[in-house]
Amino acid sequence: MATVEIIARKRPPRGLRPRLRRTLATLMEELGVGDKEVTVVLCSDRMIRRLKLEHWGEDAATDVLSFPTYEPGDPFVPPHLGDIWISLDSAARQATAAGHSLEDEVLLLAAHALWHLLGHDHQSTADWRGFERVQQRILEL
């Protein structure tokens, strides 16, 4: 079974951690990386803004960032795929705007970031289909 480590730098709502761990691990199994690990860090807008400035040179908060531990396309995929940082502040605003729970928004963001860790990007409309598929699937689990 896939390993999902969750680090809370900002207190998540009760029940979020076990649901996130279970559904993301199940999604990883379905995507063929059930023998791998990811780390999910739940944080604030302030913390994710600092990371975005440091790594992308952009001084703005965002909802999610992914940091792969390998170069996608490399034939060797290490046991730990990478880190996923999710701003609970941004996720809460987006959940309210979309009319669903914070838990669901965090799951959507985690699935989105996992797809990035697996080497996918969303440069075109066609590229978005994979993101939409994994985001929909995690809500079904």
N, C-alpha and C. Protein backbone atom coordinates (compact mmCIF):
# COMPACT_ATOMS: atom_id res chain seq x y z
N MET A 1 0.84 -1.19 0.00
CA MET A 1 0.00 0.00 0.00
C MET A 1 0.88 1.25 0.00
N ALA A 2 0.47 2.24 -0.73
CA ALA A 2 1.20 3.51 -0.81
C ALA A 2 1.27 4.15 0.58
N THR A 3 2.33 4.90 0.79
CA THR A 3 2.51 5.60 2.06
C THR A 3 2.29 7.09 1.84
N VAL A 4 1.40 7.67 2.64
CA VAL A 4 1.12 9.10 2.59
C VAL A 4 1.40 9.67 3.98
N GLU A 5 2.45 10.46 4.08
CA GLU A 5 2.77 11.13 5.34
C GLU A 5 2.14 12.51 5.30
N ILE A 6 1.49 12.89 6.38
CA ILE A 6 0.85 14.21 6.45
C ILE A 6 1.49 15.00 7.59
N ILE A 7 1.96 16.19 7.24
CA ILE A 7 2.55 17.10 8.21
C ILE A 7 1.65 18.33 8.28
N ALA A 8 1.16 18.63 9.46
CA ALA A 8 0.26 19.78 9.63
C ALA A 8 1.04 20.95 10.21
N ARG A 9 1.32 21.94 9.35
CA ARG A 9 1.93 23.19 9.80
C ARG A 9 0.83 24.19 10.16
N LYS A 10 -0.39 23.85 9.79
CA LYS A 10 -1.59 24.59 10.17
C LYS A 10 -2.63 23.54 10.53
N ARG A 11 -3.35 23.75 11.59
CA ARG A 11 -4.28 22.74 12.07
C ARG A 11 -5.41 22.48 11.06
N PRO A 12 -5.52 21.23 10.59
CA PRO A 12 -6.60 20.88 9.66
C PRO A 12 -7.89 20.56 10.42
N PRO A 13 -9.02 20.60 9.71
CA PRO A 13 -10.27 20.21 10.36
C PRO A 13 -10.22 18.75 10.81
N ARG A 14 -10.96 18.45 11.84
CA ARG A 14 -11.03 17.08 12.37
C ARG A 14 -11.48 16.11 11.27
N GLY A 15 -10.77 15.02 11.15
CA GLY A 15 -11.13 13.99 10.17
C GLY A 15 -10.47 14.14 8.82
N LEU A 16 -9.85 15.29 8.55
CA LEU A 16 -9.23 15.50 7.24
C LEU A 16 -8.03 14.58 7.03
N ARG A 17 -7.17 14.50 8.01
CA ARG A 17 -5.94 13.71 7.85
C ARG A 17 -6.20 12.25 7.49
N PRO A 18 -7.07 11.53 8.23
CA PRO A 18 -7.27 10.12 7.86
C PRO A 18 -7.93 9.95 6.49
N ARG A 19 -8.85 10.84 6.15
CA ARG A 19 -9.50 10.74 4.84
C ARG A 19 -8.49 11.03 3.72
N LEU A 20 -7.67 12.06 3.90
CA LEU A 20 -6.67 12.40 2.90
C LEU A 20 -5.67 11.26 2.74
N ARG A 21 -5.20 10.72 3.84
CA ARG A 21 -4.22 9.62 3.80
C ARG A 21 -4.81 8.42 3.05
N ARG A 22 -6.04 8.04 3.40
CA ARG A 22 -6.68 6.86 2.80
C ARG A 22 -6.97 7.06 1.32
N THR A 23 -7.57 8.18 0.95
CA THR A 23 -7.97 8.36 -0.45
C THR A 23 -6.77 8.60 -1.37
N LEU A 24 -5.77 9.34 -0.89
CA LEU A 24 -4.60 9.57 -1.73
C LEU A 24 -3.82 8.27 -1.92
N ALA A 25 -3.70 7.46 -0.86
CA ALA A 25 -3.02 6.17 -0.99
C ALA A 25 -3.77 5.26 -1.96
N THR A 26 -5.08 5.25 -1.90
CA THR A 26 -5.88 4.43 -2.82
C THR A 26 -5.71 4.91 -4.25
N LEU A 27 -5.72 6.22 -4.45
CA LEU A 27 -5.52 6.78 -5.79
C LEU A 27 -4.13 6.40 -6.32
N MET A 28 -3.13 6.45 -5.46
CA MET A 28 -1.79 6.07 -5.88
C MET A 28 -1.76 4.61 -6.31
N GLU A 29 -2.44 3.74 -5.58
CA GLU A 29 -2.55 2.32 -5.95
C GLU A 29 -3.15 2.20 -7.35
N GLU A 30 -4.25 2.90 -7.57
CA GLU A 30 -4.94 2.84 -8.86
C GLU A 30 -4.08 3.37 -10.00
N LEU A 31 -3.21 4.31 -9.71
CA LEU A 31 -2.35 4.90 -10.74
C LEU A 31 -1.05 4.11 -10.94
N GLY A 32 -0.91 3.01 -10.23
CA GLY A 32 0.25 2.15 -10.44
C GLY A 32 1.48 2.54 -9.65
N VAL A 33 1.32 3.40 -8.65
CA VAL A 33 2.46 3.79 -7.81
C VAL A 33 2.18 3.46 -6.34
N GLY A 34 1.54 2.33 -6.15
CA GLY A 34 1.19 1.90 -4.80
C GLY A 34 2.37 1.51 -3.95
N ASP A 35 3.53 1.34 -4.57
CA ASP A 35 4.74 1.01 -3.81
C ASP A 35 5.55 2.26 -3.47
N LYS A 36 4.98 3.44 -3.72
CA LYS A 36 5.70 4.71 -3.52
C LYS A 36 5.16 5.48 -2.31
N GLU A 37 5.83 6.59 -2.02
CA GLU A 37 5.47 7.45 -0.89
C GLU A 37 5.34 8.90 -1.35
N VAL A 38 4.49 9.65 -0.67
CA VAL A 38 4.43 11.10 -0.84
C VAL A 38 4.28 11.71 0.55
N THR A 39 4.69 12.96 0.65
CA THR A 39 4.48 13.73 1.86
C THR A 39 3.56 14.89 1.51
N VAL A 40 2.53 15.09 2.33
CA VAL A 40 1.61 16.22 2.15
C VAL A 40 1.79 17.15 3.35
N VAL A 41 2.08 18.41 3.06
CA VAL A 41 2.24 19.40 4.11
C VAL A 41 1.06 20.36 4.02
N LEU A 42 0.29 20.45 5.10
CA LEU A 42 -0.84 21.37 5.18
C LEU A 42 -0.34 22.63 5.87
N CYS A 43 -0.50 23.77 5.19
CA CYS A 43 0.12 25.00 5.69
C CYS A 43 -0.79 26.21 5.49
N SER A 44 -0.26 27.38 5.77
CA SER A 44 -0.98 28.65 5.63
C SER A 44 -0.60 29.33 4.32
N ASP A 45 -1.37 30.35 3.95
CA ASP A 45 -1.03 31.17 2.78
C ASP A 45 0.36 31.79 2.95
N ARG A 46 0.66 32.25 4.15
CA ARG A 46 1.95 32.90 4.39
C ARG A 46 3.12 31.96 4.08
N MET A 47 3.00 30.71 4.52
CA MET A 47 4.08 29.75 4.31
C MET A 47 4.21 29.37 2.83
N ILE A 48 3.08 29.14 2.15
CA ILE A 48 3.15 28.73 0.75
C ILE A 48 3.61 29.90 -0.12
N ARG A 49 3.26 31.12 0.30
CA ARG A 49 3.73 32.31 -0.44
C ARG A 49 5.24 32.40 -0.38
N ARG A 50 5.81 32.13 0.79
CA ARG A 50 7.26 32.14 0.96
C ARG A 50 7.92 31.10 0.05
N LEU A 51 7.35 29.90 0.00
CA LEU A 51 7.89 28.84 -0.86
C LEU A 51 7.82 29.21 -2.34
N LYS A 52 6.70 29.81 -2.73
CA LYS A 52 6.53 30.18 -4.14
C LYS A 52 7.54 31.26 -4.53
N LEU A 53 7.79 32.19 -3.63
CA LEU A 53 8.78 33.24 -3.90
C LEU A 53 10.18 32.63 -4.00
N GLU A 54 10.49 31.73 -3.09
CA GLU A 54 11.81 31.12 -3.05
C GLU A 54 12.08 30.24 -4.28
N HIS A 55 11.09 29.48 -4.72
CA HIS A 55 11.32 28.50 -5.80
C HIS A 55 10.88 28.97 -7.19
N TRP A 56 9.90 29.86 -7.26
CA TRP A 56 9.40 30.31 -8.56
C TRP A 56 9.61 31.81 -8.79
N GLY A 57 10.04 32.53 -7.76
CA GLY A 57 10.26 33.96 -7.89
C GLY A 57 8.98 34.77 -7.95
N GLU A 58 7.87 34.17 -7.53
CA GLU A 58 6.58 34.86 -7.55
C GLU A 58 6.15 35.13 -6.11
N ASP A 59 5.85 36.40 -5.81
CA ASP A 59 5.47 36.79 -4.45
C ASP A 59 3.95 36.82 -4.33
N ALA A 60 3.36 35.62 -4.29
CA ALA A 60 1.91 35.49 -4.15
C ALA A 60 1.59 34.13 -3.58
N ALA A 61 0.53 34.08 -2.80
CA ALA A 61 0.08 32.79 -2.28
C ALA A 61 -0.54 31.98 -3.42
N THR A 62 -0.61 30.69 -3.23
CA THR A 62 -1.25 29.80 -4.18
C THR A 62 -1.91 28.68 -3.39
N ASP A 63 -2.67 27.85 -4.06
CA ASP A 63 -3.38 26.78 -3.35
C ASP A 63 -2.53 25.54 -3.10
N VAL A 64 -1.70 25.17 -4.08
CA VAL A 64 -0.93 23.94 -3.96
C VAL A 64 0.37 24.04 -4.75
N LEU A 65 1.41 23.44 -4.20
CA LEU A 65 2.71 23.33 -4.88
C LEU A 65 3.16 21.88 -4.78
N SER A 66 3.85 21.42 -5.81
CA SER A 66 4.41 20.06 -5.76
C SER A 66 5.91 20.14 -6.02
N PHE A 67 6.64 19.33 -5.28
CA PHE A 67 8.09 19.28 -5.38
C PHE A 67 8.51 17.83 -5.62
N PRO A 68 8.71 17.44 -6.88
CA PRO A 68 9.12 16.06 -7.15
C PRO A 68 10.54 15.79 -6.67
N THR A 69 10.80 14.55 -6.29
CA THR A 69 12.14 14.17 -5.86
C THR A 69 12.94 13.55 -6.99
N TYR A 70 12.38 13.57 -8.19
CA TYR A 70 13.08 13.02 -9.35
C TYR A 70 12.62 13.79 -10.57
N GLU A 71 13.33 13.60 -11.65
CA GLU A 71 12.97 14.25 -12.91
C GLU A 71 12.00 13.33 -13.65
N PRO A 72 10.73 13.76 -13.83
CA PRO A 72 9.78 12.92 -14.56
C PRO A 72 10.36 12.49 -15.91
N GLY A 73 10.18 11.22 -16.22
CA GLY A 73 10.75 10.66 -17.43
C GLY A 73 12.02 9.88 -17.15
N ASP A 74 12.62 10.11 -15.99
CA ASP A 74 13.81 9.37 -15.58
C ASP A 74 13.40 7.91 -15.38
N PRO A 75 14.19 6.96 -15.88
CA PRO A 75 13.80 5.55 -15.74
C PRO A 75 13.79 5.07 -14.28
N PHE A 76 14.57 5.72 -13.42
CA PHE A 76 14.56 5.34 -12.01
C PHE A 76 13.61 6.27 -11.25
N VAL A 77 12.57 5.69 -10.68
CA VAL A 77 11.63 6.45 -9.87
C VAL A 77 11.90 6.07 -8.42
N PRO A 78 12.33 7.03 -7.60
CA PRO A 78 12.68 6.71 -6.21
C PRO A 78 11.44 6.33 -5.40
N PRO A 79 11.66 5.75 -4.23
CA PRO A 79 10.51 5.36 -3.39
C PRO A 79 9.63 6.54 -2.99
N HIS A 80 10.26 7.72 -2.76
CA HIS A 80 9.49 8.91 -2.37
C HIS A 80 9.31 9.79 -3.60
N LEU A 81 8.05 9.93 -4.05
CA LEU A 81 7.76 10.70 -5.27
C LEU A 81 7.99 12.20 -5.09
N GLY A 82 7.73 12.70 -3.89
CA GLY A 82 7.91 14.13 -3.66
C GLY A 82 7.00 14.66 -2.58
N ASP A 83 6.99 15.98 -2.46
CA ASP A 83 6.21 16.67 -1.44
C ASP A 83 5.10 17.48 -2.10
N ILE A 84 3.96 17.49 -1.43
CA ILE A 84 2.80 18.28 -1.85
C ILE A 84 2.51 19.27 -0.73
N TRP A 85 2.52 20.55 -1.04
CA TRP A 85 2.19 21.60 -0.06
C TRP A 85 0.83 22.17 -0.41
N ILE A 86 -0.08 22.17 0.55
CA ILE A 86 -1.44 22.68 0.34
C ILE A 86 -1.71 23.78 1.36
N SER A 87 -2.11 24.95 0.86
CA SER A 87 -2.51 26.04 1.75
C SER A 87 -3.97 25.83 2.16
N LEU A 88 -4.17 25.62 3.45
CA LEU A 88 -5.54 25.46 3.94
C LEU A 88 -6.33 26.76 3.83
N ASP A 89 -5.64 27.91 3.86
CA ASP A 89 -6.31 29.20 3.71
C ASP A 89 -6.90 29.33 2.30
N SER A 90 -6.06 29.09 1.29
CA SER A 90 -6.52 29.16 -0.10
C SER A 90 -7.57 28.10 -0.38
N ALA A 91 -7.35 26.89 0.15
CA ALA A 91 -8.30 25.80 -0.07
C ALA A 91 -9.67 26.15 0.52
N ALA A 92 -9.69 26.80 1.68
CA ALA A 92 -10.96 27.19 2.30
C ALA A 92 -11.71 28.20 1.44
N ARG A 93 -11.00 29.19 0.91
CA ARG A 93 -11.65 30.18 0.03
C ARG A 93 -12.20 29.51 -1.23
N GLN A 94 -11.42 28.62 -1.82
CA GLN A 94 -11.85 27.94 -3.04
C GLN A 94 -13.03 27.01 -2.77
N ALA A 95 -13.03 26.34 -1.63
CA ALA A 95 -14.15 25.45 -1.28
C ALA A 95 -15.44 26.25 -1.14
N THR A 96 -15.35 27.39 -0.49
CA THR A 96 -16.52 28.25 -0.34
C THR A 96 -17.03 28.71 -1.70
N ALA A 97 -16.12 29.15 -2.55
CA ALA A 97 -16.51 29.63 -3.89
C ALA A 97 -17.11 28.51 -4.74
N ALA A 98 -16.61 27.28 -4.56
CA ALA A 98 -17.10 26.15 -5.37
C ALA A 98 -18.33 25.49 -4.75
N GLY A 99 -18.64 25.82 -3.50
CA GLY A 99 -19.82 25.25 -2.85
C GLY A 99 -19.63 23.83 -2.35
N HIS A 100 -18.39 23.47 -2.01
CA HIS A 100 -18.18 22.15 -1.41
C HIS A 100 -17.31 22.30 -0.15
N SER A 101 -17.03 21.19 0.49
CA SER A 101 -16.32 21.23 1.77
C SER A 101 -14.82 21.49 1.59
N LEU A 102 -14.21 21.94 2.67
CA LEU A 102 -12.76 22.12 2.69
C LEU A 102 -12.08 20.77 2.47
N GLU A 103 -12.60 19.72 3.08
CA GLU A 103 -12.03 18.38 2.87
C GLU A 103 -11.98 18.02 1.40
N ASP A 104 -13.10 18.22 0.69
CA ASP A 104 -13.13 17.90 -0.74
C ASP A 104 -12.13 18.73 -1.52
N GLU A 105 -12.00 20.00 -1.17
CA GLU A 105 -11.05 20.87 -1.88
C GLU A 105 -9.61 20.39 -1.66
N VAL A 106 -9.29 20.00 -0.44
CA VAL A 106 -7.95 19.50 -0.15
C VAL A 106 -7.69 18.21 -0.94
N LEU A 107 -8.68 17.34 -1.04
CA LEU A 107 -8.52 16.12 -1.84
C LEU A 107 -8.27 16.45 -3.30
N LEU A 108 -9.02 17.39 -3.84
CA LEU A 108 -8.84 17.80 -5.23
C LEU A 108 -7.42 18.33 -5.46
N LEU A 109 -6.95 19.16 -4.54
CA LEU A 109 -5.61 19.74 -4.67
C LEU A 109 -4.53 18.66 -4.54
N ALA A 110 -4.74 17.70 -3.64
CA ALA A 110 -3.77 16.62 -3.47
C ALA A 110 -3.69 15.76 -4.73
N ALA A 111 -4.83 15.45 -5.33
CA ALA A 111 -4.85 14.65 -6.57
C ALA A 111 -4.17 15.42 -7.69
N HIS A 112 -4.45 16.71 -7.78
CA HIS A 112 -3.84 17.58 -8.80
C HIS A 112 -2.31 17.55 -8.67
N ALA A 113 -1.83 17.73 -7.44
CA ALA A 113 -0.39 17.76 -7.21
C ALA A 113 0.25 16.40 -7.45
N LEU A 114 -0.44 15.33 -7.08
CA LEU A 114 0.08 13.98 -7.35
C LEU A 114 0.27 13.78 -8.84
N TRP A 115 -0.68 14.23 -9.64
CA TRP A 115 -0.57 14.09 -11.10
C TRP A 115 0.66 14.85 -11.60
N HIS A 116 0.93 16.02 -11.02
CA HIS A 116 2.18 16.74 -11.36
C HIS A 116 3.40 15.91 -10.97
N LEU A 117 3.39 15.32 -9.76
CA LEU A 117 4.53 14.52 -9.32
C LEU A 117 4.78 13.34 -10.26
N LEU A 118 3.74 12.89 -10.93
CA LEU A 118 3.88 11.78 -11.87
C LEU A 118 4.31 12.25 -13.26
N GLY A 119 4.64 13.54 -13.37
CA GLY A 119 5.23 14.05 -14.61
C GLY A 119 4.30 14.76 -15.56
N HIS A 120 3.09 15.04 -15.14
CA HIS A 120 2.11 15.69 -16.03
C HIS A 120 2.05 17.19 -15.78
N ASP A 121 1.69 17.93 -16.82
CA ASP A 121 1.51 19.37 -16.72
C ASP A 121 0.23 19.74 -17.45
N HIS A 122 -0.22 20.98 -17.28
CA HIS A 122 -1.46 21.41 -17.94
C HIS A 122 -1.20 22.60 -18.84
N GLN A 123 -0.46 22.32 -19.91
CA GLN A 123 -0.13 23.35 -20.89
C GLN A 123 -1.25 23.55 -21.91
N SER A 124 -2.06 22.51 -22.11
CA SER A 124 -3.13 22.60 -23.12
C SER A 124 -4.43 22.05 -22.54
N THR A 125 -5.50 22.27 -23.26
CA THR A 125 -6.80 21.76 -22.85
C THR A 125 -6.77 20.24 -22.75
N ALA A 126 -6.10 19.59 -23.67
CA ALA A 126 -5.99 18.12 -23.65
C ALA A 126 -5.26 17.65 -22.39
N ASP A 127 -4.24 18.40 -21.98
CA ASP A 127 -3.49 18.04 -20.78
C ASP A 127 -4.37 18.05 -19.53
N TRP A 128 -5.36 18.94 -19.50
CA TRP A 128 -6.23 19.08 -18.34
C TRP A 128 -7.08 17.83 -18.10
N ARG A 129 -7.31 17.03 -19.13
CA ARG A 129 -8.19 15.86 -18.98
C ARG A 129 -7.68 14.90 -17.91
N GLY A 130 -6.37 14.67 -17.88
CA GLY A 130 -5.80 13.80 -16.85
C GLY A 130 -6.00 14.35 -15.45
N PHE A 131 -5.80 15.67 -15.30
CA PHE A 131 -6.01 16.31 -14.00
C PHE A 131 -7.46 16.17 -13.58
N GLU A 132 -8.37 16.44 -14.50
CA GLU A 132 -9.80 16.34 -14.19
C GLU A 132 -10.17 14.92 -13.79
N ARG A 133 -9.59 13.94 -14.48
CA ARG A 133 -9.90 12.54 -14.20
C ARG A 133 -9.45 12.15 -12.79
N VAL A 134 -8.21 12.47 -12.41
CA VAL A 134 -7.74 12.08 -11.08
C VAL A 134 -8.45 12.88 -9.98
N GLN A 135 -8.79 14.13 -10.27
CA GLN A 135 -9.50 14.94 -9.27
C GLN A 135 -10.90 14.40 -9.05
N GLN A 136 -11.57 13.98 -10.09
CA GLN A 136 -12.89 13.40 -9.96
C GLN A 136 -12.81 12.06 -9.21
N ARG A 137 -11.80 11.27 -9.58
CA ARG A 137 -11.67 9.94 -8.98
C ARG A 137 -11.43 10.00 -7.48
N ILE A 138 -10.61 10.92 -7.01
CA ILE A 138 -10.32 10.97 -5.57
C ILE A 138 -11.58 11.28 -4.76
N LEU A 139 -12.50 12.03 -5.34
CA LEU A 139 -13.75 12.33 -4.62
C LEU A 139 -14.67 11.11 -4.55
N GLU A 140 -14.46 10.17 -5.46
CA GLU A 140 -15.28 8.95 -5.50
C GLU A 140 -14.79 7.90 -4.51
N LEU A 141 -13.56 8.05 -4.03
CA LEU A 141 -12.97 7.02 -3.16
C LEU A 141 -13.41 7.15 -1.72
